[in-house]
Amino acid sequence: MNSKVALNIYGLKPREKLAKYQKAITQCGATPALLDPTPTLVVCAGSHDAARDMLDLIDTKEQELMNLRVQREQLMDTAMGHHSTLGSCVETQSLGNPAFITVC
């Protein structure tokens, strides 16, 4: 009977998958019976590190995007407050004259 390796990565988040991958790389490296793995452990470590670096970059960019959205909301609140105040100013100065309001 041939045994199979169960990766058990279905449903895991990317960082959880990488943690399992790193554990496998470490365990395979500590196993003297595994003489010539394919891909090599160096290649595996490289692909792990590249994926980790990309996840780190994505996390950074997502945080930047979240910060930009907060700034956008603050700026939009300020702009719409000014818009409302400007509308009130036009109403006041128009003395109810629709022609004046239309021009502004």
N, C-alpha and C. Protein backbone atom coordinates (compact mmCIF):
# COMPACT_ATOMS: atom_id res chain seq x y z
N MET A 1 0.85 -1.18 0.00
CA MET A 1 0.00 0.00 0.00
C MET A 1 0.89 1.24 0.00
N ASN A 2 0.59 2.15 -0.90
CA ASN A 2 1.36 3.38 -0.99
C ASN A 2 0.67 4.48 -0.19
N SER A 3 1.44 5.14 0.66
CA SER A 3 0.91 6.27 1.42
C SER A 3 1.00 7.53 0.57
N LYS A 4 0.15 8.46 0.83
CA LYS A 4 0.12 9.74 0.12
C LYS A 4 0.36 10.86 1.12
N VAL A 5 0.95 11.93 0.62
CA VAL A 5 1.15 13.13 1.44
C VAL A 5 -0.13 13.94 1.40
N ALA A 6 -0.67 14.26 2.56
CA ALA A 6 -1.86 15.10 2.64
C ALA A 6 -1.43 16.52 2.97
N LEU A 7 -1.59 17.41 2.02
CA LEU A 7 -1.17 18.80 2.23
C LEU A 7 -2.11 19.53 3.18
N ASN A 8 -3.39 19.20 3.13
CA ASN A 8 -4.40 19.80 4.02
C ASN A 8 -4.35 21.33 3.99
N ILE A 9 -4.41 21.88 2.79
CA ILE A 9 -4.37 23.34 2.67
C ILE A 9 -5.70 23.92 2.18
N TYR A 10 -6.65 23.06 1.84
CA TYR A 10 -7.94 23.54 1.35
C TYR A 10 -8.61 24.40 2.42
N GLY A 11 -9.06 25.57 2.02
CA GLY A 11 -9.79 26.45 2.94
C GLY A 11 -8.89 27.31 3.81
N LEU A 12 -7.59 27.12 3.71
CA LEU A 12 -6.69 27.94 4.51
C LEU A 12 -6.45 29.29 3.83
N LYS A 13 -6.15 30.28 4.64
CA LYS A 13 -5.79 31.60 4.11
C LYS A 13 -4.34 31.53 3.61
N PRO A 14 -3.97 32.46 2.73
CA PRO A 14 -2.63 32.42 2.15
C PRO A 14 -1.50 32.32 3.19
N ARG A 15 -1.57 33.08 4.25
CA ARG A 15 -0.49 33.02 5.27
C ARG A 15 -0.48 31.68 5.98
N GLU A 16 -1.64 31.09 6.18
CA GLU A 16 -1.71 29.77 6.81
C GLU A 16 -1.10 28.72 5.88
N LYS A 17 -1.37 28.85 4.58
CA LYS A 17 -0.78 27.94 3.61
C LYS A 17 0.75 28.07 3.62
N LEU A 18 1.23 29.30 3.65
CA LEU A 18 2.69 29.51 3.67
C LEU A 18 3.32 28.97 4.94
N ALA A 19 2.61 29.06 6.06
CA ALA A 19 3.13 28.52 7.32
C ALA A 19 3.29 27.00 7.20
N LYS A 20 2.30 26.35 6.60
CA LYS A 20 2.41 24.90 6.40
C LYS A 20 3.54 24.57 5.44
N TYR A 21 3.69 25.37 4.39
CA TYR A 21 4.75 25.17 3.41
C TYR A 21 6.11 25.32 4.08
N GLN A 22 6.27 26.36 4.91
CA GLN A 22 7.53 26.57 5.61
C GLN A 22 7.84 25.40 6.53
N LYS A 23 6.83 24.90 7.21
CA LYS A 23 7.02 23.76 8.10
C LYS A 23 7.48 22.54 7.30
N ALA A 24 6.88 22.33 6.13
CA ALA A 24 7.26 21.20 5.28
C ALA A 24 8.71 21.35 4.81
N ILE A 25 9.09 22.55 4.41
CA ILE A 25 10.46 22.80 3.97
C ILE A 25 11.44 22.50 5.10
N THR A 26 11.12 22.99 6.29
CA THR A 26 11.98 22.77 7.45
C THR A 26 12.09 21.29 7.77
N GLN A 27 10.96 20.60 7.80
CA GLN A 27 10.97 19.17 8.13
C GLN A 27 11.70 18.36 7.07
N CYS A 28 11.50 18.70 5.81
CA CYS A 28 12.20 17.98 4.74
C CYS A 28 13.71 18.23 4.83
N GLY A 29 14.08 19.43 5.20
CA GLY A 29 15.51 19.75 5.34
C GLY A 29 16.15 19.00 6.49
N ALA A 30 15.36 18.66 7.49
CA ALA A 30 15.88 17.94 8.65
C ALA A 30 15.81 16.42 8.49
N THR A 31 15.35 15.98 7.33
CA THR A 31 15.21 14.55 7.09
C THR A 31 16.35 14.05 6.21
N PRO A 32 17.34 13.37 6.81
CA PRO A 32 18.48 12.91 6.00
C PRO A 32 18.10 11.88 4.94
N ALA A 33 16.98 11.22 5.10
CA ALA A 33 16.58 10.20 4.14
C ALA A 33 16.11 10.81 2.81
N LEU A 34 15.74 12.09 2.83
CA LEU A 34 15.30 12.77 1.62
C LEU A 34 16.54 13.35 0.93
N LEU A 35 17.11 12.57 0.02
CA LEU A 35 18.42 12.89 -0.54
C LEU A 35 18.40 13.96 -1.62
N ASP A 36 17.48 13.86 -2.54
CA ASP A 36 17.50 14.76 -3.70
C ASP A 36 16.07 15.20 -4.02
N PRO A 37 15.50 16.09 -3.18
CA PRO A 37 14.10 16.47 -3.41
C PRO A 37 13.93 17.29 -4.69
N THR A 38 12.77 17.13 -5.28
CA THR A 38 12.40 17.91 -6.46
C THR A 38 11.07 18.58 -6.17
N PRO A 39 11.00 19.88 -6.21
CA PRO A 39 12.08 20.83 -6.43
C PRO A 39 13.03 20.85 -5.23
N THR A 40 14.18 21.41 -5.42
CA THR A 40 15.15 21.46 -4.32
C THR A 40 14.60 22.32 -3.19
N LEU A 41 15.15 22.13 -2.01
CA LEU A 41 14.69 22.91 -0.86
C LEU A 41 15.04 24.39 -1.04
N VAL A 42 16.11 24.68 -1.75
CA VAL A 42 16.47 26.07 -2.04
C VAL A 42 15.40 26.71 -2.92
N VAL A 43 14.95 25.98 -3.93
CA VAL A 43 13.89 26.48 -4.81
C VAL A 43 12.59 26.66 -4.01
N CYS A 44 12.30 25.70 -3.16
CA CYS A 44 11.09 25.80 -2.32
C CYS A 44 11.16 27.02 -1.40
N ALA A 45 12.30 27.21 -0.77
CA ALA A 45 12.47 28.36 0.13
C ALA A 45 12.33 29.66 -0.66
N GLY A 46 12.86 29.68 -1.86
CA GLY A 46 12.75 30.88 -2.70
C GLY A 46 11.31 31.18 -3.08
N SER A 47 10.55 30.16 -3.44
CA SER A 47 9.15 30.39 -3.82
C SER A 47 8.33 30.80 -2.60
N HIS A 48 8.67 30.21 -1.44
CA HIS A 48 7.99 30.59 -0.20
C HIS A 48 8.25 32.06 0.10
N ASP A 49 9.53 32.45 0.04
CA ASP A 49 9.89 33.82 0.38
C ASP A 49 9.28 34.83 -0.59
N ALA A 50 9.24 34.48 -1.87
CA ALA A 50 8.65 35.37 -2.87
C ALA A 50 7.16 35.56 -2.61
N ALA A 51 6.47 34.47 -2.29
CA ALA A 51 5.04 34.56 -1.99
C ALA A 51 4.81 35.37 -0.71
N ARG A 52 5.64 35.14 0.31
CA ARG A 52 5.52 35.89 1.56
C ARG A 52 5.75 37.37 1.32
N ASP A 53 6.78 37.70 0.53
CA ASP A 53 7.07 39.10 0.24
C ASP A 53 5.90 39.77 -0.49
N MET A 54 5.27 39.03 -1.40
CA MET A 54 4.12 39.59 -2.11
C MET A 54 2.95 39.81 -1.16
N LEU A 55 2.72 38.86 -0.25
CA LEU A 55 1.65 39.05 0.73
C LEU A 55 1.93 40.25 1.62
N ASP A 56 3.20 40.43 2.00
CA ASP A 56 3.57 41.60 2.80
C ASP A 56 3.30 42.89 2.03
N LEU A 57 3.65 42.90 0.75
CA LEU A 57 3.43 44.08 -0.08
C LEU A 57 1.93 44.37 -0.21
N ILE A 58 1.15 43.31 -0.41
CA ILE A 58 -0.30 43.49 -0.51
C ILE A 58 -0.86 44.04 0.79
N ASP A 59 -0.40 43.53 1.93
CA ASP A 59 -0.86 44.04 3.23
C ASP A 59 -0.54 45.52 3.36
N THR A 60 0.66 45.90 2.94
CA THR A 60 1.07 47.31 3.02
C THR A 60 0.18 48.17 2.13
N LYS A 61 -0.04 47.72 0.90
CA LYS A 61 -0.86 48.49 -0.04
C LYS A 61 -2.32 48.56 0.43
N GLU A 62 -2.83 47.48 1.02
CA GLU A 62 -4.20 47.51 1.53
C GLU A 62 -4.33 48.50 2.68
N GLN A 63 -3.31 48.58 3.52
CA GLN A 63 -3.31 49.56 4.62
C GLN A 63 -3.25 50.97 4.05
N GLU A 64 -2.41 51.17 3.03
CA GLU A 64 -2.32 52.48 2.39
C GLU A 64 -3.67 52.87 1.78
N LEU A 65 -4.31 51.92 1.13
CA LEU A 65 -5.61 52.18 0.52
C LEU A 65 -6.65 52.52 1.58
N MET A 66 -6.63 51.81 2.69
CA MET A 66 -7.55 52.10 3.78
C MET A 66 -7.32 53.52 4.30
N ASN A 67 -6.05 53.90 4.45
CA ASN A 67 -5.73 55.25 4.91
C ASN A 67 -6.19 56.30 3.90
N LEU A 68 -6.00 56.01 2.61
CA LEU A 68 -6.46 56.94 1.57
C LEU A 68 -7.97 57.09 1.60
N ARG A 69 -8.68 56.02 1.86
CA ARG A 69 -10.14 56.09 1.91
C ARG A 69 -10.61 56.93 3.10
N VAL A 70 -9.92 56.80 4.22
CA VAL A 70 -10.25 57.63 5.39
C VAL A 70 -10.02 59.10 5.04
N GLN A 71 -8.88 59.40 4.41
CA GLN A 71 -8.59 60.78 4.02
C GLN A 71 -9.63 61.29 3.02
N ARG A 72 -10.01 60.42 2.06
CA ARG A 72 -11.04 60.81 1.08
C ARG A 72 -12.32 61.20 1.78
N GLU A 73 -12.75 60.40 2.74
CA GLU A 73 -14.01 60.70 3.44
C GLU A 73 -13.91 62.01 4.20
N GLN A 74 -12.77 62.26 4.83
CA GLN A 74 -12.58 63.52 5.56
C GLN A 74 -12.62 64.70 4.59
N LEU A 75 -11.93 64.56 3.47
CA LEU A 75 -11.91 65.64 2.48
C LEU A 75 -13.29 65.85 1.85
N MET A 76 -13.99 64.75 1.58
CA MET A 76 -15.34 64.88 1.02
C MET A 76 -16.29 65.53 2.02
N ASP A 77 -16.15 65.20 3.29
CA ASP A 77 -16.99 65.83 4.31
C ASP A 77 -16.74 67.33 4.33
N THR A 78 -15.47 67.72 4.28
CA THR A 78 -15.12 69.15 4.26
C THR A 78 -15.67 69.82 3.01
N ALA A 79 -15.45 69.20 1.85
CA ALA A 79 -15.91 69.77 0.58
C ALA A 79 -17.43 69.92 0.56
N MET A 80 -18.16 68.90 1.01
CA MET A 80 -19.61 68.96 0.99
C MET A 80 -20.14 69.96 2.02
N GLY A 81 -19.41 70.12 3.12
CA GLY A 81 -19.77 71.17 4.09
C GLY A 81 -19.62 72.55 3.46
N HIS A 82 -18.54 72.74 2.72
CA HIS A 82 -18.34 74.02 2.02
C HIS A 82 -19.40 74.21 0.94
N HIS A 83 -19.75 73.14 0.24
CA HIS A 83 -20.78 73.21 -0.79
C HIS A 83 -22.10 73.65 -0.18
N SER A 84 -22.44 73.08 0.94
CA SER A 84 -23.69 73.43 1.62
C SER A 84 -23.67 74.89 2.09
N THR A 85 -22.55 75.31 2.65
CA THR A 85 -22.42 76.69 3.11
C THR A 85 -22.52 77.66 1.94
N LEU A 86 -21.88 77.32 0.82
CA LEU A 86 -21.96 78.16 -0.37
C LEU A 86 -23.40 78.27 -0.85
N GLY A 87 -24.13 77.14 -0.83
CA GLY A 87 -25.55 77.17 -1.21
C GLY A 87 -26.35 78.09 -0.31
N SER A 88 -26.08 78.04 0.98
CA SER A 88 -26.77 78.92 1.92
C SER A 88 -26.44 80.37 1.64
N CYS A 89 -25.19 80.63 1.32
CA CYS A 89 -24.77 81.99 1.00
C CYS A 89 -25.52 82.51 -0.23
N VAL A 90 -25.64 81.69 -1.26
CA VAL A 90 -26.35 82.08 -2.48
C VAL A 90 -27.82 82.35 -2.15
N GLU A 91 -28.44 81.49 -1.35
CA GLU A 91 -29.84 81.68 -0.96
C GLU A 91 -30.02 83.02 -0.25
N THR A 92 -29.12 83.30 0.69
CA THR A 92 -29.22 84.52 1.47
C THR A 92 -29.06 85.76 0.58
N GLN A 93 -28.04 85.74 -0.26
CA GLN A 93 -27.76 86.92 -1.08
C GLN A 93 -28.76 87.08 -2.22
N SER A 94 -29.43 86.01 -2.60
CA SER A 94 -30.39 86.11 -3.72
C SER A 94 -31.68 86.78 -3.32
N LEU A 95 -31.93 86.81 -2.02
CA LEU A 95 -33.20 87.34 -1.50
C LEU A 95 -34.39 86.63 -2.16
N GLY A 96 -34.18 85.36 -2.50
CA GLY A 96 -35.25 84.56 -3.09
C GLY A 96 -35.43 84.75 -4.58
N ASN A 97 -34.58 85.50 -5.23
CA ASN A 97 -34.69 85.75 -6.66
C ASN A 97 -34.19 84.52 -7.42
N PRO A 98 -35.08 83.80 -8.12
CA PRO A 98 -34.68 82.59 -8.83
C PRO A 98 -33.64 82.83 -9.92
N ALA A 99 -33.68 83.99 -10.55
CA ALA A 99 -32.71 84.30 -11.60
C ALA A 99 -31.29 84.36 -11.00
N PHE A 100 -31.17 84.95 -9.81
CA PHE A 100 -29.87 85.05 -9.13
C PHE A 100 -29.37 83.65 -8.77
N ILE A 101 -30.27 82.84 -8.24
CA ILE A 101 -29.88 81.46 -7.84
C ILE A 101 -29.47 80.65 -9.04
N THR A 102 -30.16 80.79 -10.17
CA THR A 102 -29.85 80.04 -11.37
C THR A 102 -28.45 80.39 -11.90
N VAL A 103 -28.08 81.64 -11.81
CA VAL A 103 -26.78 82.08 -12.30
C VAL A 103 -25.65 81.50 -11.45
N CYS A 104 -25.89 81.34 -10.17
CA CYS A 104 -24.84 80.81 -9.29
C CYS A 104 -24.87 79.32 -9.34
